[in-house]
């Protein structure tokens, strides 16, 4: 164990993750290349209407074909990770049957939300093979990034001690992620603006209300409980926001869904709030 710690790995009872800086950088940068290319290929415009109706999530019916493809994808990716991750010795939490069933039920409900709010059913009707491959690719790419990059959990602790890796690496990683998120959100606001004032207010208002609710909870209870923002949580929220039939929006949503599926399959729907550790 001493040799493992000196080499800079992150080990748990279920496996080890070795830091690999070159691989980490290459994977992270390459995962954003499709988003950048889609932006330069077709830049979002305020003057072009991308959706046919003001409230597309109510206007597109869920077809049986899209539902079958979507839920089959969720189940296949989930069980593929259950089989592949332990055999590769990657970070993975063992669980029992009841835990699997609980996770699958929540996955079905959130999958329905993505179909309606995230407009996934429309992507599956337009080009299902491309969208499915995008999601699968990002799921396993993010899994490789998670295993090779230094990490620090975004968690509040009463003593302020970090849970994982170096603070510098954590700050750098999250700063890069935040910059990409700001870029993506800005362009989605542009896409929302193209739908007219009514939809623009609805879209931006929903995002701000979600952000405000999270900030209030964290501000009010961060001293009373331990807060851990799991990557399945924020990626699910962003997946719902990437709802436009535009290449940039589709690539962003595929990335967020991939991150969401990785988090759910590896760590389940772990709670964000827990008791503070005993002193």
Protein backbone atom coordinates (compact mmCIF):
# COMPACT_ATOMS: atom_id res chain seq x y z
CA UNK A 1 0.00 0.00 0.00
CA UNK A 2 2.91 2.34 0.72
CA UNK A 3 4.20 1.97 -2.84
CA UNK A 4 0.75 2.72 -4.18
CA UNK A 5 0.46 5.92 -2.22
CA UNK A 6 3.92 7.11 -3.29
CA UNK A 7 3.07 6.55 -6.96
CA UNK A 8 0.09 8.88 -6.63
CA UNK A 9 -2.87 6.58 -6.92
CA UNK A 10 -6.32 6.81 -5.47
CA UNK A 11 -7.22 3.46 -3.98
CA UNK A 12 -10.38 2.19 -2.39
CA UNK A 13 -11.52 -1.22 -1.26
CA UNK A 14 -13.00 -1.82 -4.71
CA UNK A 15 -10.00 -0.79 -6.80
CA UNK A 16 -7.27 1.71 -7.60
CA UNK A 17 -6.98 4.64 -9.96
CA UNK A 18 -3.50 5.73 -11.05
CA UNK A 19 -2.88 9.34 -11.99
CA UNK A 20 -1.70 9.67 -15.56
CA UNK A 21 -1.27 13.34 -16.43
CA UNK A 22 -0.63 13.01 -20.21
CA UNK A 23 -3.54 10.62 -20.67
CA UNK A 24 -5.75 12.83 -18.52
CA UNK A 25 -5.01 15.95 -20.59
CA UNK A 26 -5.35 14.17 -23.94
CA UNK A 27 -8.68 12.58 -23.04
CA UNK A 28 -10.10 15.78 -21.55
CA UNK A 29 -9.09 17.94 -24.52
CA UNK A 30 -10.22 15.40 -27.11
CA UNK A 31 -13.65 15.14 -25.47
CA UNK A 32 -14.27 18.84 -26.12
CA UNK A 33 -13.08 18.82 -29.75
CA UNK A 34 -16.44 17.69 -31.21
CA UNK A 35 -18.23 20.49 -29.33
CA UNK A 36 -15.77 23.09 -30.64
CA UNK A 37 -16.01 21.75 -34.21
CA UNK A 38 -19.81 21.77 -34.10
CA UNK A 39 -19.70 25.39 -32.93
CA UNK A 40 -17.49 26.57 -35.79
CA UNK A 41 -19.37 24.47 -38.31
CA UNK A 42 -22.75 25.97 -37.41
CA UNK A 43 -22.59 28.84 -34.95
CA UNK A 44 -25.78 29.44 -32.95
CA UNK A 45 -27.71 32.46 -34.18
CA UNK A 46 -30.31 34.64 -32.52
CA UNK A 47 -32.02 35.14 -35.88
CA UNK A 48 -32.68 31.50 -36.73
CA UNK A 49 -35.54 29.53 -35.18
CA UNK A 50 -34.35 26.01 -34.33
CA UNK A 51 -37.53 24.61 -32.80
CA UNK A 52 -40.89 24.32 -34.49
CA UNK A 53 -42.96 25.31 -31.47
CA UNK A 54 -42.45 27.57 -28.46
CA UNK A 55 -42.64 24.68 -26.00
CA UNK A 56 -41.06 21.75 -27.84
CA UNK A 57 -41.12 19.44 -24.83
CA UNK A 58 -44.91 19.39 -24.98
CA UNK A 59 -45.11 19.42 -28.76
CA UNK A 60 -43.10 16.28 -29.63
CA UNK A 61 -44.89 13.01 -28.81
CA UNK A 62 -42.88 10.12 -27.42
CA UNK A 63 -42.97 7.32 -29.96
CA UNK A 64 -42.65 3.66 -29.04
CA UNK A 65 -39.51 3.31 -31.18
CA UNK A 66 -37.67 6.17 -29.51
CA UNK A 67 -38.71 4.93 -26.06
CA UNK A 68 -37.43 1.41 -26.79
CA UNK A 69 -34.12 2.72 -28.14
CA UNK A 70 -33.67 5.11 -25.21
CA UNK A 71 -34.40 2.71 -22.37
CA UNK A 72 -32.45 -0.07 -24.06
CA UNK A 73 -29.46 2.28 -24.24
CA UNK A 74 -29.72 3.16 -20.55
CA UNK A 75 -29.91 -0.49 -19.49
CA UNK A 76 -27.13 -1.68 -21.82
CA UNK A 77 -24.70 1.02 -20.67
CA UNK A 78 -25.59 0.45 -17.02
CA UNK A 79 -25.03 -3.30 -17.11
CA UNK A 80 -21.99 -3.01 -19.38
CA UNK A 81 -20.26 -0.92 -16.73
CA UNK A 82 -21.34 -3.40 -14.04
CA UNK A 83 -19.57 -6.17 -15.98
CA UNK A 84 -16.55 -4.35 -17.41
CA UNK A 85 -15.44 -2.06 -14.56
CA UNK A 86 -14.81 -4.75 -11.87
CA UNK A 87 -12.92 -6.95 -14.35
CA UNK A 88 -10.61 -4.06 -15.24
CA UNK A 89 -9.99 -3.25 -11.58
CA UNK A 90 -11.50 0.22 -11.93
CA UNK A 91 -13.21 2.19 -9.18
CA UNK A 92 -16.56 0.58 -8.59
CA UNK A 93 -18.97 0.20 -5.65
CA UNK A 94 -20.29 -3.30 -5.04
CA UNK A 95 -24.03 -3.49 -4.36
CA UNK A 96 -26.84 -5.95 -3.74
CA UNK A 97 -29.99 -6.75 -5.68
CA UNK A 98 -32.14 -4.22 -3.81
CA UNK A 99 -29.64 -1.49 -4.56
CA UNK A 100 -29.62 -2.37 -8.27
CA UNK A 101 -33.42 -2.25 -8.38
CA UNK A 102 -33.53 1.12 -6.62
CA UNK A 103 -30.97 2.54 -9.05
CA UNK A 104 -32.82 1.17 -12.08
CA UNK A 105 -36.15 2.62 -10.94
CA UNK A 106 -34.61 6.08 -10.51
CA UNK A 107 -32.85 5.71 -13.84
CA UNK A 108 -36.19 5.02 -15.53
CA UNK A 109 -37.76 8.13 -14.00
CA UNK A 110 -34.84 10.39 -14.92
CA UNK A 111 -34.78 8.84 -18.35
CA UNK A 112 -38.38 9.91 -18.82
CA UNK A 113 -37.47 13.45 -17.75
CA UNK A 114 -34.69 13.54 -20.34
CA UNK A 115 -37.03 12.30 -23.05
CA UNK A 116 -39.54 15.06 -22.36
CA UNK A 117 -37.58 17.98 -20.92
CA UNK A 118 -34.28 17.23 -22.63
CA UNK A 119 -35.95 16.54 -25.98
CA UNK A 120 -34.10 13.24 -26.32
CA UNK A 121 -36.99 11.63 -28.17
CA UNK A 122 -36.60 14.12 -31.02
CA UNK A 123 -32.88 13.29 -31.41
CA UNK A 124 -33.70 9.58 -31.48
CA UNK A 125 -36.22 10.21 -34.25
CA UNK A 126 -33.81 12.32 -36.33
CA UNK A 127 -30.61 10.25 -36.16
CA UNK A 128 -30.74 7.56 -33.45
CA UNK A 129 -27.51 5.75 -34.39
CA UNK A 130 -25.39 8.91 -34.21
CA UNK A 131 -26.86 10.02 -30.89
CA UNK A 132 -26.52 6.57 -29.30
CA UNK A 133 -22.87 6.31 -30.38
CA UNK A 134 -22.18 9.81 -29.03
CA UNK A 135 -23.57 8.88 -25.62
CA UNK A 136 -21.75 5.55 -25.43
CA UNK A 137 -18.51 7.17 -26.50
CA UNK A 138 -18.69 9.93 -23.92
CA UNK A 139 -19.67 7.48 -21.16
CA UNK A 140 -16.50 5.46 -21.58
CA UNK A 141 -14.30 8.48 -22.37
CA UNK A 142 -15.39 10.13 -19.13
CA UNK A 143 -14.81 6.83 -17.33
CA UNK A 144 -11.22 6.87 -18.62
CA UNK A 145 -10.82 10.51 -17.60
CA UNK A 146 -12.18 9.77 -14.14
CA UNK A 147 -9.70 6.93 -13.71
CA UNK A 148 -6.61 8.79 -14.98
CA UNK A 149 -7.04 12.35 -13.70
CA UNK A 150 -6.27 13.61 -10.18
CA UNK A 151 -9.52 14.39 -8.40
CA UNK A 152 -10.78 16.20 -5.37
CA UNK A 153 -14.31 15.70 -4.17
CA UNK A 154 -16.44 18.84 -4.08
CA UNK A 155 -17.54 18.30 -0.52
CA UNK A 156 -17.84 20.47 2.55
CA UNK A 157 -16.04 19.20 5.61
CA UNK A 158 -16.15 20.54 9.13
CA UNK A 159 -12.35 20.43 9.34
CA UNK A 160 -11.72 21.67 5.80
CA UNK A 161 -9.44 18.76 4.91
CA UNK A 162 -9.50 17.54 1.29
CA UNK A 163 -10.82 14.07 0.60
CA UNK A 164 -8.84 13.37 -2.57
CA UNK A 165 -5.74 14.42 -4.53
CA UNK A 166 -4.09 17.83 -4.64
CA UNK A 167 -6.01 21.08 -4.32
CA UNK A 168 -4.14 22.58 -7.28
CA UNK A 169 -5.15 19.75 -9.60
CA UNK A 170 -8.74 19.92 -8.39
CA UNK A 171 -8.96 23.68 -8.91
CA UNK A 172 -7.44 23.42 -12.39
CA UNK A 173 -9.79 20.61 -13.40
CA UNK A 174 -12.91 22.30 -12.13
CA UNK A 175 -11.86 25.66 -13.61
CA UNK A 176 -11.55 24.04 -17.05
CA UNK A 177 -14.91 22.35 -16.60
CA UNK A 178 -16.58 25.59 -15.54
CA UNK A 179 -15.17 27.43 -18.56
CA UNK A 180 -16.56 24.79 -20.92
CA UNK A 181 -19.92 24.91 -19.09
CA UNK A 182 -20.07 28.71 -19.41
CA UNK A 183 -19.27 28.46 -23.14
CA UNK A 184 -21.97 25.83 -23.64
CA UNK A 185 -24.58 27.66 -21.54
CA UNK A 186 -23.94 30.95 -23.33
CA UNK A 187 -24.56 29.34 -26.71
CA UNK A 188 -27.68 27.63 -25.38
CA UNK A 189 -28.97 30.99 -24.22
CA UNK A 190 -28.39 32.25 -27.77
CA UNK A 191 -30.36 29.27 -29.07
CA UNK A 192 -33.16 29.99 -26.61
CA UNK A 193 -33.20 33.64 -27.70
CA UNK A 194 -33.86 32.52 -31.26
CA UNK A 195 -37.19 31.06 -30.13
CA UNK A 196 -38.57 34.45 -29.16
CA UNK A 197 -39.03 36.37 -25.95
CA UNK A 198 -41.57 34.01 -24.38
CA UNK A 199 -39.43 30.89 -24.66
CA UNK A 200 -36.26 32.81 -23.80
CA UNK A 201 -37.77 33.98 -20.49
CA UNK A 202 -39.02 30.49 -19.73
CA UNK A 203 -35.64 28.88 -20.47
CA UNK A 204 -33.42 31.36 -18.62
CA UNK A 205 -35.89 31.62 -15.74
CA UNK A 206 -35.87 27.85 -15.26
CA UNK A 207 -32.06 27.75 -15.21
CA UNK A 208 -31.81 30.64 -12.75
CA UNK A 209 -34.47 29.15 -10.49
CA UNK A 210 -32.58 25.84 -10.39
CA UNK A 211 -29.30 27.58 -9.62
CA UNK A 212 -30.94 29.73 -6.93
CA UNK A 213 -32.50 26.69 -5.22
CA UNK A 214 -29.12 24.93 -5.06
CA UNK A 215 -27.32 28.01 -3.75
CA UNK A 216 -29.92 28.54 -1.04
CA UNK A 217 -29.73 24.93 0.15
CA UNK A 218 -25.93 24.97 0.24
CA UNK A 219 -25.79 28.36 1.97
CA UNK A 220 -28.37 27.45 4.62
CA UNK A 221 -27.23 23.93 5.48
CA UNK A 222 -23.53 23.67 4.59
CA UNK A 223 -22.57 24.07 8.25
CA UNK A 224 -25.09 21.49 9.47
CA UNK A 225 -24.52 18.65 7.00
CA UNK A 226 -21.84 17.37 4.66
CA UNK A 227 -22.61 18.23 1.03
CA UNK A 228 -21.24 16.26 -1.91
CA UNK A 229 -22.16 17.36 -5.43
CA UNK A 230 -22.06 14.08 -7.34
CA UNK A 231 -21.29 14.25 -11.03
CA UNK A 232 -24.49 12.38 -11.88
CA UNK A 233 -26.43 15.32 -10.40
CA UNK A 234 -25.05 18.34 -12.22
CA UNK A 235 -24.67 16.43 -15.49
CA UNK A 236 -28.34 15.43 -15.36
CA UNK A 237 -29.40 19.06 -14.91
CA UNK A 238 -27.24 20.19 -17.83
CA UNK A 239 -28.57 17.30 -19.95
CA UNK A 240 -32.08 18.68 -19.53
CA UNK A 241 -30.91 22.15 -20.61
CA UNK A 242 -29.27 20.87 -23.83
CA UNK A 243 -32.56 20.42 -25.66
CA UNK A 244 -32.09 22.18 -29.01
CA UNK A 245 -31.82 20.45 -32.42
CA UNK A 246 -28.43 21.99 -33.08
CA UNK A 247 -25.12 20.06 -33.44
CA UNK A 248 -23.47 21.88 -30.53
CA UNK A 249 -26.45 21.22 -28.26
CA UNK A 250 -26.52 17.54 -29.24
CA UNK A 251 -22.79 17.03 -28.54
CA UNK A 252 -23.11 18.82 -25.19
CA UNK A 253 -26.11 16.71 -24.22
CA UNK A 254 -24.36 13.49 -25.24
CA UNK A 255 -21.40 14.44 -23.05
CA UNK A 256 -23.62 15.26 -20.07
CA UNK A 257 -25.66 12.08 -20.43
CA UNK A 258 -22.43 10.07 -20.66
CA UNK A 259 -21.16 11.64 -17.43
CA UNK A 260 -24.57 11.03 -15.82
CA UNK A 261 -24.61 7.34 -16.79
CA UNK A 262 -21.05 6.82 -15.54
CA UNK A 263 -21.93 8.32 -12.16
CA UNK A 264 -25.10 6.26 -11.79
CA UNK A 265 -23.56 2.96 -12.89
CA UNK A 266 -20.41 3.27 -10.77
CA UNK A 267 -21.66 5.04 -7.63
CA UNK A 268 -25.47 4.76 -7.81
CA UNK A 269 -27.63 7.73 -6.84
CA UNK A 270 -25.61 8.50 -3.73
CA UNK A 271 -27.18 11.18 -1.51
CA UNK A 272 -25.78 14.70 -1.69
CA UNK A 273 -26.45 15.40 1.99
CA UNK A 274 -25.09 13.33 4.86
CA UNK A 275 -24.25 13.71 8.54
CA UNK A 276 -21.06 15.51 9.45
CA UNK A 277 -18.28 13.16 10.60
CA UNK A 278 -17.91 12.77 14.34
CA UNK A 279 -15.19 14.91 15.88
